[in-house]
Protein backbone atom coordinates (compact mmCIF):
# COMPACT_ATOMS: atom_id res chain seq x y z
CA MET A 1 -0.09 -0.09 -0.03
CA THR A 2 1.18 3.56 -0.80
CA ILE A 3 1.93 6.05 1.65
CA GLN A 4 -1.26 7.96 0.24
CA GLY A 5 -3.54 4.73 0.37
CA ALA A 6 -2.48 4.40 3.81
CA LEU A 7 -3.55 8.15 4.51
CA LEU A 8 -6.85 8.00 2.82
CA THR A 9 -7.53 4.77 4.58
CA ALA A 10 -6.84 6.09 7.87
CA LEU A 11 -8.39 9.48 7.02
CA SER A 12 -11.73 7.51 6.18
CA SER A 13 -11.63 5.04 9.36
CA LEU A 14 -11.28 8.66 11.41
CA ALA A 15 -14.32 10.01 9.78
CA ALA A 16 -16.22 6.60 10.05
CA GLU A 17 -15.20 6.88 13.76
CA GLN A 18 -16.37 10.44 14.43
CA ARG A 19 -19.57 9.36 13.20
CA GLN A 20 -20.06 6.29 15.30
CA ALA A 21 -19.24 8.51 18.39
CA SER A 22 -21.82 11.04 17.56
CA VAL A 23 -24.19 7.87 17.35
CA ILE A 24 -23.11 6.49 20.81
CA ALA A 25 -23.19 9.73 22.33
CA ASN A 26 -26.88 10.27 20.91
CA ASN A 27 -27.48 6.65 22.35
CA VAL A 28 -26.34 7.55 25.87
CA ALA A 29 -28.16 11.16 25.64
CA ASN A 30 -31.48 9.58 25.08
CA ALA A 31 -31.24 6.51 27.45
CA ASN A 32 -34.10 7.63 29.57
CA THR A 33 -36.27 8.91 26.56
CA VAL A 34 -39.58 7.11 26.39
CA GLY A 35 -39.64 5.23 22.98
CA TYR A 36 -36.16 5.78 21.84
CA VAL A 37 -34.65 2.79 20.31
CA ARG A 38 -30.80 2.20 20.32
CA ARG A 39 -28.91 2.96 16.82
CA GLU A 40 -26.20 1.52 14.85
CA LEU A 41 -24.12 2.74 12.65
CA PRO A 42 -23.16 0.20 9.86
CA ARG A 43 -19.60 0.08 8.20
CA SER A 44 -18.18 -1.85 5.41
CA GLU A 45 -14.80 -2.23 3.89
CA GLN A 46 -14.42 0.03 0.96
CA LEU A 47 -12.90 -1.54 -2.09
CA THR A 48 -11.36 -0.14 -5.01
CA ALA A 49 -10.41 -3.04 -7.72
CA GLY A 50 -10.20 -5.47 -5.01
CA GLN A 51 -8.05 -3.64 -2.79
CA GLY A 52 -9.28 -2.50 0.51
CA THR A 53 -8.69 1.29 0.36
CA GLY A 54 -10.99 2.78 3.43
CA VAL A 55 -14.14 2.25 5.40
CA ASP A 56 -17.67 2.93 4.14
CA THR A 57 -20.60 4.22 6.73
CA GLN A 58 -24.42 3.56 5.90
CA THR A 59 -27.57 5.50 6.77
CA THR A 60 -27.90 5.03 11.03
CA GLN A 61 -29.90 2.37 11.44
CA ARG A 62 -32.60 1.49 14.22
CA LEU A 63 -32.36 -1.60 16.14
CA GLY A 64 -36.07 -2.51 16.74
CA ASP A 65 -37.36 -5.96 17.24
CA GLU A 66 -41.10 -5.93 15.47
CA ALA A 67 -42.14 -9.37 16.87
CA LEU A 68 -41.30 -7.99 20.24
CA ALA A 69 -42.80 -4.75 19.37
CA ALA A 70 -46.03 -6.63 18.06
CA ALA A 71 -46.27 -8.63 21.15
CA ALA A 72 -46.23 -5.50 23.33
CA ARG A 73 -49.03 -3.71 21.64
CA ALA A 74 -51.25 -7.09 22.18
CA SER A 75 -50.38 -6.94 25.85
CA GLY A 76 -50.84 -3.41 26.06
CA ALA A 77 -54.41 -3.88 24.34
CA ASP A 78 -55.45 -6.44 26.98
CA ALA A 79 -54.09 -4.46 29.77
CA ALA A 80 -55.89 -1.63 28.61
CA TYR A 81 -59.19 -3.84 28.73
CA GLY A 82 -58.74 -5.01 31.82
CA GLN A 83 -58.20 -1.70 33.41
CA ARG A 84 -60.97 0.11 32.05
CA MET A 85 -63.43 -3.37 33.03
CA ALA A 86 -61.75 -2.81 36.74
CA ASP A 87 -61.93 0.95 36.77
CA MET A 88 -65.76 1.15 36.28
CA LEU A 89 -66.99 -1.42 38.23
CA ALA A 90 -65.02 -0.24 40.94
CA GLN A 91 -66.89 3.33 40.68
CA PHE A 92 -70.34 1.41 40.06
CA THR A 93 -69.89 -0.94 42.93
CA THR A 94 -68.73 2.35 45.07
CA ALA A 95 -72.08 3.91 44.02
CA VAL A 96 -74.49 1.21 44.75
CA GLY A 97 -72.47 0.16 48.13
CA GLN A 98 -71.75 -3.17 49.70
CA PRO A 99 -74.50 -5.40 50.67
CA SER A 100 -74.07 -4.58 54.51
CA ASP A 101 -74.10 -0.72 53.72
CA GLY A 102 -77.35 1.20 55.13
CA ARG A 103 -77.98 2.60 51.43
CA SER A 104 -78.23 -0.86 49.94
CA LEU A 105 -80.73 -2.55 48.38
CA SER A 106 -80.40 -5.64 51.02
CA THR A 107 -80.61 -3.27 53.77
CA ALA A 108 -83.75 -1.39 52.48
CA LEU A 109 -85.28 -4.74 51.89
CA GLY A 110 -84.48 -5.82 55.58
CA ASN A 111 -85.73 -2.45 57.04
CA PHE A 112 -89.05 -2.87 55.31
CA ARG A 113 -89.09 -6.08 56.29
CA SER A 114 -88.34 -5.36 59.91
CA ALA A 115 -90.97 -2.31 59.96
CA MET A 116 -93.84 -5.03 58.17
CA THR A 117 -92.98 -7.33 61.11
CA ALA A 118 -93.33 -4.66 63.92
CA LEU A 119 -96.36 -3.53 62.43
CA SER A 120 -97.93 -7.14 62.45
CA ALA A 121 -97.50 -7.20 65.99
CA SER A 122 -99.35 -3.45 66.41
CA PRO A 123 -101.63 -3.60 63.22
CA ASP A 124 -103.54 -0.38 64.70
CA ASN A 125 -100.64 1.65 65.65
CA ALA A 126 -100.59 4.72 63.72
CA VAL A 127 -96.72 5.54 64.33
CA ALA A 128 -95.94 1.74 62.90
CA GLN A 129 -98.03 2.09 59.78
CA ASN A 130 -96.14 5.39 59.12
CA SER A 131 -92.88 3.77 59.71
CA ALA A 132 -93.94 0.87 57.13
CA ALA A 133 -94.66 3.54 54.75
CA GLU A 134 -91.32 5.17 55.32
CA ALA A 135 -89.39 2.35 54.65
CA ALA A 136 -91.43 1.26 51.73
CA LYS A 137 -90.55 4.59 50.58
CA SER A 138 -86.58 4.15 51.63
CA LEU A 139 -87.08 0.78 49.70
CA VAL A 140 -88.41 2.50 46.51
CA ASP A 141 -85.23 4.96 47.06
CA ALA A 142 -83.06 2.27 47.02
CA PHE A 143 -84.27 0.92 43.59
CA HIS A 144 -84.07 4.45 42.06
CA ARG A 145 -80.39 4.81 43.55
CA MET A 146 -79.27 1.61 42.00
CA ASP A 147 -80.84 2.44 38.41
CA ALA A 148 -79.38 5.77 38.32
CA ALA A 149 -76.02 4.02 39.08
CA VAL A 150 -76.43 1.72 36.18
CA SER A 151 -77.45 4.68 34.11
CA ASN A 152 -74.44 6.80 35.21
CA GLY A 153 -72.25 4.07 34.60
CA ARG A 154 -73.42 3.51 30.88
CA THR A 155 -73.60 7.22 30.08
CA ALA A 156 -69.55 7.10 31.70
CA ALA A 157 -68.90 3.91 29.46
CA ASP A 158 -70.33 5.51 26.49
CA LEU A 159 -68.34 8.77 26.51
CA ALA A 160 -65.31 6.81 27.55
CA VAL A 161 -65.89 5.13 24.07
CA SER A 162 -66.41 8.29 22.71
CA GLN A 163 -63.19 9.77 24.04
CA ASP A 164 -61.03 6.90 22.81
CA VAL A 165 -62.67 7.18 19.49
CA ASP A 166 -61.71 10.63 19.12
CA ALA A 167 -57.95 10.08 20.14
CA VAL A 168 -57.65 6.73 17.92
CA ASN A 169 -58.74 9.30 15.05
CA THR A 170 -55.93 12.18 16.23
CA THR A 171 -53.28 9.29 16.33
CA LEU A 172 -54.33 8.32 12.88
CA GLY A 173 -53.74 11.67 11.64
CA ARG A 174 -50.57 12.00 13.46
CA LEU A 175 -49.17 8.60 12.08
CA SER A 176 -50.29 9.86 8.46
CA GLN A 177 -48.14 12.63 8.87
CA VAL A 178 -44.94 10.74 10.40
CA ASP A 179 -45.14 8.00 7.61
CA GLN A 180 -45.08 10.70 4.73
CA GLU A 181 -42.21 12.27 6.74
CA MET A 182 -40.40 8.93 6.64
CA ALA A 183 -41.14 8.60 2.86
CA LYS A 184 -39.52 12.20 2.23
CA ALA A 185 -36.61 11.04 4.37
CA GLU A 186 -35.91 8.16 2.54
CA ALA A 187 -35.94 9.86 -0.83
CA ARG A 188 -33.40 12.08 0.77
CA GLY A 189 -31.10 9.06 1.99
CA ASP A 190 -31.56 10.53 5.72
CA SER A 191 -31.80 8.12 8.42
CA LEU A 192 -35.32 7.03 9.37
CA ALA A 193 -34.83 6.11 12.97
CA GLU A 194 -36.33 8.97 14.52
CA TYR A 195 -39.84 8.71 12.43
CA GLN A 196 -39.25 4.83 13.22
CA ASP A 197 -39.45 5.98 16.94
CA GLN A 198 -42.64 8.00 16.71
CA ARG A 199 -44.17 5.66 14.73
CA ASP A 200 -43.84 2.93 17.34
CA LEU A 201 -45.20 5.56 20.00
CA LEU A 202 -48.03 5.99 17.98
CA LEU A 203 -49.51 2.71 17.19
CA SER A 204 -48.53 1.81 21.05
CA ASP A 205 -51.20 4.25 21.68
CA ILE A 206 -53.77 3.38 19.09
CA ALA A 207 -53.24 -0.64 20.05
CA LYS A 208 -54.19 0.01 23.95
CA ARG A 209 -57.89 1.44 22.52
CA VAL A 210 -58.40 -1.16 19.94
CA PRO A 211 -56.16 -4.02 18.82
CA VAL A 212 -54.28 -3.62 15.70
CA SER A 213 -52.11 -5.47 13.22
CA VAL A 214 -49.29 -3.68 11.45
CA TYR A 215 -48.24 -4.60 7.77
CA ASP A 216 -44.84 -2.31 7.14
CA GLY A 217 -44.39 -2.24 3.38
CA GLY A 218 -41.75 0.61 3.77
CA PRO A 219 -41.90 4.47 4.36
CA GLY A 220 -45.48 5.65 2.70
CA HIS A 221 -46.68 2.34 2.49
CA LEU A 222 -47.67 1.06 6.16
CA VAL A 223 -50.98 -0.56 6.31
CA LEU A 224 -52.78 -0.67 9.91
CA THR A 225 -55.83 -2.90 10.71
CA THR A 226 -57.51 -3.92 13.31
CA ASP A 227 -56.86 -7.67 14.59
CA LYS A 228 -59.77 -8.80 12.84
CA GLY A 229 -58.74 -7.36 9.45
CA GLN A 230 -60.72 -4.04 9.06
CA THR A 231 -58.36 -1.46 7.62
CA LEU A 232 -57.79 1.81 9.93
CA TYR A 233 -54.60 3.08 7.87
CA ASP A 234 -53.22 2.66 4.36
CA SER A 235 -50.35 4.27 2.59
CA GLY A 236 -51.21 7.84 3.72
CA THR A 237 -55.23 7.22 3.62
CA VAL A 238 -56.75 7.50 7.06
CA HIS A 239 -59.69 5.16 7.76
CA ALA A 240 -61.43 7.10 10.77
CA LEU A 241 -63.73 5.60 13.28
CA SER A 242 -66.92 7.21 13.79
CA PHE A 243 -69.22 7.26 16.98
CA THR A 244 -71.88 9.25 18.61
CA HIS A 245 -71.87 9.69 21.98
CA SER A 246 -75.29 9.65 24.15
CA SER A 247 -75.30 12.49 26.89
CA ALA A 248 -77.48 10.25 28.78
CA VAL A 249 -77.94 6.17 28.63
CA ALA A 250 -81.24 5.04 30.43
CA SER A 251 -80.71 1.76 32.05
CA GLU A 252 -83.39 0.33 29.87
CA MET A 253 -81.88 1.28 26.82
CA ARG A 254 -80.83 -1.89 24.94
CA PHE A 255 -77.96 -1.93 22.15
CA GLY A 256 -79.62 -1.55 18.92
CA SER A 257 -82.07 1.16 19.82
CA SER A 258 -81.83 4.34 17.63
CA SER A 259 -80.49 6.37 20.85
CA LEU A 260 -77.41 3.83 21.01
CA SER A 261 -74.60 4.20 18.88
CA THR A 262 -71.82 1.48 17.93
CA VAL A 263 -67.96 1.74 16.59
CA THR A 264 -67.85 1.64 12.81
CA VAL A 265 -65.06 1.94 10.23
CA ASP A 266 -66.18 3.12 6.69
CA GLY A 267 -69.91 2.88 7.71
CA ALA A 268 -69.15 -1.12 8.99
CA ARG A 269 -69.18 -2.05 12.83
CA LEU A 270 -65.80 -2.25 14.03
CA ARG A 271 -64.52 -5.62 14.20
CA SER A 272 -61.68 -6.35 16.81
CA SER A 273 -61.56 -9.02 19.52
CA SER A 274 -62.52 -8.27 23.10
CA SER A 275 -59.35 -6.38 23.95
CA GLY A 276 -58.24 -2.32 23.88
CA SER A 277 -60.31 0.03 26.14
CA ILE A 278 -63.21 0.90 23.41
CA ALA A 279 -64.13 -2.99 23.45
CA ALA A 280 -64.12 -2.68 27.24
CA GLY A 281 -66.45 0.54 27.29
CA LEU A 282 -68.72 -1.00 24.81
CA GLN A 283 -69.08 -4.23 26.73
CA LEU A 284 -69.80 -2.57 29.76
CA ARG A 285 -72.39 -0.23 28.09
CA ASP A 286 -74.06 -3.03 26.32
CA GLY A 287 -73.33 -5.95 28.48
CA THR A 288 -72.25 -5.96 32.26
CA LEU A 289 -74.38 -3.15 33.09
CA PRO A 290 -77.53 -3.64 31.32
CA ARG A 291 -77.21 -7.20 32.92
CA TYR A 292 -77.48 -5.51 36.44
CA ALA A 293 -80.36 -3.24 35.23
CA ASP A 294 -82.28 -6.76 34.39
CA MET A 295 -81.53 -8.20 37.88
CA LEU A 296 -82.67 -5.11 39.50
CA ASP A 297 -85.93 -4.74 37.25
CA GLN A 298 -86.86 -8.42 37.89
CA ILE A 299 -86.47 -7.80 41.63
CA ALA A 300 -88.35 -4.49 41.34
CA GLY A 301 -91.28 -6.65 39.26
CA ASN A 302 -91.32 -9.41 41.85
CA LEU A 303 -91.76 -7.09 44.56
CA MET A 304 -94.84 -5.77 42.74
CA GLN A 305 -96.26 -8.81 42.06
CA ALA A 306 -95.84 -9.94 45.57
CA SER A 307 -97.47 -7.14 47.20
CA GLN A 308 -100.54 -7.27 44.65
CA GLN A 309 -100.78 -11.12 45.14
CA ALA A 310 -100.77 -10.75 49.00
CA ASP A 311 -103.55 -7.78 48.97
CA ALA A 312 -106.93 -9.71 49.32
CA SER A 313 -108.54 -6.52 48.82
CA LEU A 314 -108.10 -6.34 45.19
CA ILE A 315 -109.91 -9.58 44.75
CA ASP A 316 -113.12 -8.60 42.42
CA THR A 317 -115.79 -10.60 44.68
CA THR A 318 -118.44 -9.65 41.65
CA VAL A 319 -116.90 -11.92 39.48
CA VAL A 320 -118.45 -15.36 40.17
CA PRO A 321 -116.98 -17.56 40.04
CA GLN A 322 -113.65 -16.56 40.54
CA THR A 323 -110.67 -17.73 38.21
CA THR A 324 -107.11 -18.92 39.25
CA PRO A 325 -105.41 -16.63 39.61
CA PRO A 326 -108.48 -14.26 41.07
CA THR A 327 -109.90 -11.67 39.13
CA LEU A 328 -108.44 -8.36 40.05
CA LYS A 329 -110.20 -4.72 40.65
CA VAL A 330 -109.49 -2.41 37.69
CA ASP A 331 -108.01 0.84 38.34
CA PRO A 332 -110.31 3.27 36.51
CA ALA A 333 -107.52 6.19 35.82
CA SER A 334 -105.08 3.27 34.26
CA SER A 335 -107.57 0.34 33.21
CA HIS A 336 -104.87 -2.00 34.64
CA PRO A 337 -105.81 -4.43 37.39
CA MET A 338 -105.27 -2.31 40.55
CA ALA A 339 -101.52 -2.35 42.22
CA GLY A 340 -100.32 -3.33 45.77
CA LEU A 341 -98.17 -1.38 47.76
CA PHE A 342 -95.95 -1.40 45.26
CA SER A 343 -96.67 0.29 42.10
CA SER A 344 -94.77 1.80 39.09
CA ASN A 345 -95.06 5.82 38.38
CA ASN A 346 -97.13 6.52 41.20
CA SER A 347 -100.18 4.85 39.78
CA ALA A 348 -102.78 2.83 41.61
CA GLY A 349 -103.05 0.44 38.65
CA LEU A 350 -100.38 -2.09 37.68
CA GLY A 351 -100.00 -3.22 34.21
CA ALA A 352 -97.88 -6.04 32.39
CA ILE A 353 -94.84 -6.16 34.26
CA TYR A 354 -92.61 -8.34 32.13
CA PRO A 355 -90.83 -7.65 29.64
CA THR A 356 -91.37 -4.16 30.38
CA GLY A 357 -87.92 -2.68 31.33
CA GLY A 358 -87.05 0.31 33.60
CA LEU A 359 -88.99 -1.22 36.71
CA ALA A 360 -86.20 -0.13 39.15
CA ARG A 361 -86.36 3.45 37.99
CA THR A 362 -90.19 3.51 37.91
CA ILE A 363 -91.26 1.53 41.09
CA SER A 364 -93.13 3.70 43.31
CA ILE A 365 -94.95 3.12 46.58
CA ASN A 366 -98.77 2.93 45.88
CA PRO A 367 -100.04 6.46 46.29
CA LYS A 368 -103.29 5.30 48.33
CA ALA A 369 -100.80 4.07 51.02
CA ASP A 370 -98.59 7.20 50.84
CA PRO A 371 -99.37 9.64 53.46
CA ASP A 372 -97.77 12.48 51.49
CA GLN A 373 -100.10 12.09 48.71
CA ALA A 374 -103.74 13.40 48.54
CA GLY A 375 -106.24 10.81 49.96
CA GLY A 376 -103.16 8.82 50.88
CA LEU A 377 -103.43 6.57 53.97
CA ALA A 378 -100.65 4.47 55.83
CA SER A 379 -103.49 2.23 57.12
CA ARG A 380 -104.04 0.98 53.98
CA ILE A 381 -100.81 -0.94 54.41
CA ARG A 382 -102.91 -3.13 56.72
CA ASP A 383 -106.48 -2.81 55.09
CA GLY A 384 -105.16 -2.98 51.78
CA MET A 385 -105.05 -0.96 48.40
CA GLY A 386 -108.90 -2.00 47.59
CA SER A 387 -110.31 -0.94 50.69
CA THR A 388 -112.70 1.73 50.72
CA THR A 389 -113.51 2.00 54.66
CA THR A 390 -111.21 1.28 57.49
CA GLY A 391 -110.92 -2.35 58.44
CA ASN A 392 -110.54 -4.28 61.62
CA ALA A 393 -108.02 -2.57 63.76
CA ALA A 394 -106.33 -5.49 64.87
CA ASP A 395 -106.46 -7.56 61.43
CA ASN A 396 -102.67 -8.36 60.54
CA SER A 397 -103.44 -10.94 57.96
CA GLY A 398 -102.70 -8.72 54.92
CA ILE A 399 -99.37 -7.66 56.76
CA LEU A 400 -98.64 -11.56 57.04
CA ALA A 401 -99.62 -12.35 53.76
CA LEU A 402 -97.04 -9.84 52.37
CA LEU A 403 -94.22 -10.98 54.54
CA GLY A 404 -94.95 -14.61 53.30
CA ALA A 405 -95.23 -13.77 49.48
CA MET A 406 -91.72 -11.77 49.86
CA ASP A 407 -90.46 -14.86 51.22
CA THR A 408 -91.76 -16.99 48.54
CA SER A 409 -89.52 -18.02 45.61
CA ARG A 410 -89.86 -16.28 42.46
CA SER A 411 -88.41 -16.53 39.27
CA TYR A 412 -85.58 -14.66 37.42
CA THR A 413 -84.08 -15.40 33.95
CA ALA A 414 -80.72 -17.03 33.57
CA ALA A 415 -79.43 -14.17 31.50
CA THR A 416 -79.12 -12.09 34.81
CA GLY A 417 -76.79 -14.43 36.69
CA LEU A 418 -79.39 -15.09 39.40
CA SER A 419 -80.65 -18.42 40.58
CA ALA A 420 -83.89 -19.64 38.53
CA SER A 421 -85.76 -19.05 41.98
CA LEU A 422 -85.32 -17.11 45.08
CA SER A 423 -87.05 -15.07 47.83
CA LEU A 424 -86.85 -11.48 47.15
CA SER A 425 -84.36 -10.97 50.07
CA ASP A 426 -81.96 -13.96 48.73
CA ALA A 427 -82.21 -12.17 45.01
CA ALA A 428 -81.41 -8.90 46.79
CA SER A 429 -78.26 -10.30 48.50
CA GLN A 430 -77.24 -12.32 45.58
CA SER A 431 -77.47 -9.46 42.91
CA ALA A 432 -75.17 -7.39 44.99
CA GLY A 433 -72.60 -10.52 45.55
CA LEU A 434 -72.69 -10.77 41.87
CA MET A 435 -71.75 -7.31 41.14
CA GLN A 436 -69.10 -7.17 43.80
CA SER A 437 -67.89 -10.67 42.56
CA ASP A 438 -67.46 -9.25 38.96
CA ARG A 439 -65.37 -5.97 40.13
CA SER A 440 -63.18 -8.06 42.46
CA ASN A 441 -62.56 -10.80 39.89
CA TRP A 442 -61.61 -7.80 37.10
CA ALA A 443 -59.59 -5.78 39.65
CA ASP A 444 -57.46 -9.49 39.74
CA ARG A 445 -57.82 -9.69 36.11
CA ALA A 446 -56.72 -5.96 35.58
CA GLN A 447 -53.77 -6.96 37.65
CA THR A 448 -52.59 -10.05 36.07
CA ARG A 449 -52.93 -8.45 32.86
CA GLN A 450 -50.70 -5.22 33.71
CA ALA A 451 -47.98 -7.78 35.04
CA LEU A 452 -47.81 -9.57 31.65
CA ASP A 453 -47.93 -6.14 29.83
CA LEU A 454 -44.91 -4.92 31.98
CA GLN A 455 -43.18 -8.22 31.50
CA ALA A 456 -43.76 -7.82 27.81
CA GLN A 457 -42.39 -4.09 27.90
CA GLN A 458 -39.46 -5.30 29.43
CA ASN A 459 -38.67 -7.88 27.49
CA LEU A 460 -38.75 -5.22 24.43
CA THR A 461 -37.03 -2.69 26.10
CA ASN A 462 -34.12 -5.15 27.07
CA LYS A 463 -33.83 -5.92 23.21
CA THR A 464 -33.96 -2.63 22.04
CA SER A 465 -33.44 0.34 24.77
CA VAL A 466 -29.85 1.74 25.45
CA ASN A 467 -27.26 0.29 27.74
CA VAL A 468 -25.43 2.86 29.01
CA ASP A 469 -22.60 0.11 29.89
CA GLU A 470 -22.32 -1.31 26.47
CA GLU A 471 -22.51 2.28 24.77
CA LEU A 472 -19.47 3.20 27.04
CA GLN A 473 -17.63 0.16 26.19
CA ARG A 474 -18.43 0.61 22.36
CA LEU A 475 -17.06 4.27 22.74
CA LEU A 476 -13.97 2.47 23.99
CA LEU A 477 -13.36 0.81 21.13
CA VAL A 478 -14.45 3.75 18.98
CA GLN A 479 -11.46 5.30 21.03
CA GLN A 480 -9.03 2.82 20.47
CA THR A 481 -9.74 2.86 16.50
CA HIS A 482 -9.53 6.36 16.31
CA SER A 483 -5.98 6.50 18.10
CA ALA A 484 -4.96 3.62 15.62
CA SER A 485 -6.01 5.82 12.50
CA VAL A 486 -4.19 8.46 14.62
CA GLN A 487 -0.94 6.86 14.24
CA VAL A 488 -1.17 5.79 10.89
CA ILE A 489 -1.34 9.23 9.98
CA GLN A 490 1.37 10.39 11.95
CA THR A 491 3.26 7.57 10.81
CA ALA A 492 2.57 8.48 7.24
CA SER A 493 3.52 12.12 8.12
CA HIS A 494 6.76 11.36 9.55
CA MET A 495 7.53 8.76 6.30
CA LEU A 496 6.74 12.09 4.02
CA ASP A 497 9.21 13.96 6.10
CA ASP A 498 11.83 11.77 5.70
CA LEU A 499 11.43 11.21 1.86
CA ILE A 500 11.32 15.34 1.47
CA GLY A 501 14.59 15.48 3.67
CA LEU A 502 16.43 12.69 1.56
CA ARG A 503 15.61 14.73 -1.54
CA SER A 504 16.95 17.56 -0.31
């Protein structure tokens, strides 16, 4: 090799090591930057006519791992689903209270039973009559409170879905910008590493809301779909999600009604697995919380029926012979059979209870037994809603009949999760237990999913993040190579000086 060749080789090596030192310094400076992936400067031997003439450097490369990144996105979606379920169920169960809380349905039902038992011992006692009426109102209030908690929970879930949809659309717009900037950078021959970091952060953010699959066809040709194949982004074109938020979602609303929106893409319903916070919000709004509403409605309906069936004063004695079940008197205001102590919408009549929804919201004390209503008498709890005169002051048969009817097992649909046949007290306790069990189960699942997500993120970090110790070791090698190149240059300089001296 000539002296000139040695100088050129050393100079190219010196320039390459300076670039490598800059890359390493950038790695160390960004060791704690979220989403930053370690860079490397590819180098190769420079050949001329088969002879080594220096060091070639290429564009700075990002040392990512797409398989681990995909696993981390999937685990992030699972964790987001579990956390959304756990958080919203915790809020709901806090609102409705534990079974032993004073404001719970079980407690209110127990207080009503106690008041009725006390009244059965002194049916002519006006104070006991009023206490029973107040206990009945408190029971009604408990139903209303729990129904409101269901409605508020569904509305909050609907709002969370709306916010997630907006966030996904915003992030898709940013993803499009980054993808196009990446294509321009590639055309200029610049490094793509910075844009790839930004892109992966955006993809991770989207995946927490809706699970995605990524197909990287190169800068400007990224394709993003849901894990069920619906396109969200394709080579610069954003396929935005669509959703209309409902400002109030009543407990009896069911999915499919014109009042409830679903998430769509290009006019088609969003298809994805049960993962991501959007799926969790829809499950809460359309599945979990409506099931709680059905529990409450059926308990309320059975309470209305129990009070109606136990009230002998409602039997229409003019009908001969009597039918089985007996023919009931009709409320002239509603043209429905008269209601017992518990009715709906402050009406003295009771229509067909099932399959009408919203009973927990509309259940009320019969205005005929409400002292606060015009013509309402608490004594009708003893005498019956169909009585027109004061009955036997010592007769507690109607009170005992109602207590017995409340203890009678009644039917519940399997979709609610309740047992097929339960007394009212058992149904109230079991419903509260099911709600608390769901909350506890999702709290445990969320914790497990968070741990799995943390492990997946750690695996990705271990493979792609900056290890400062390793970078410093690499910097030492750069320093050694830099020193060797300097020595070659110095040696070549001395040789040239000697040659010049010989000529002189």
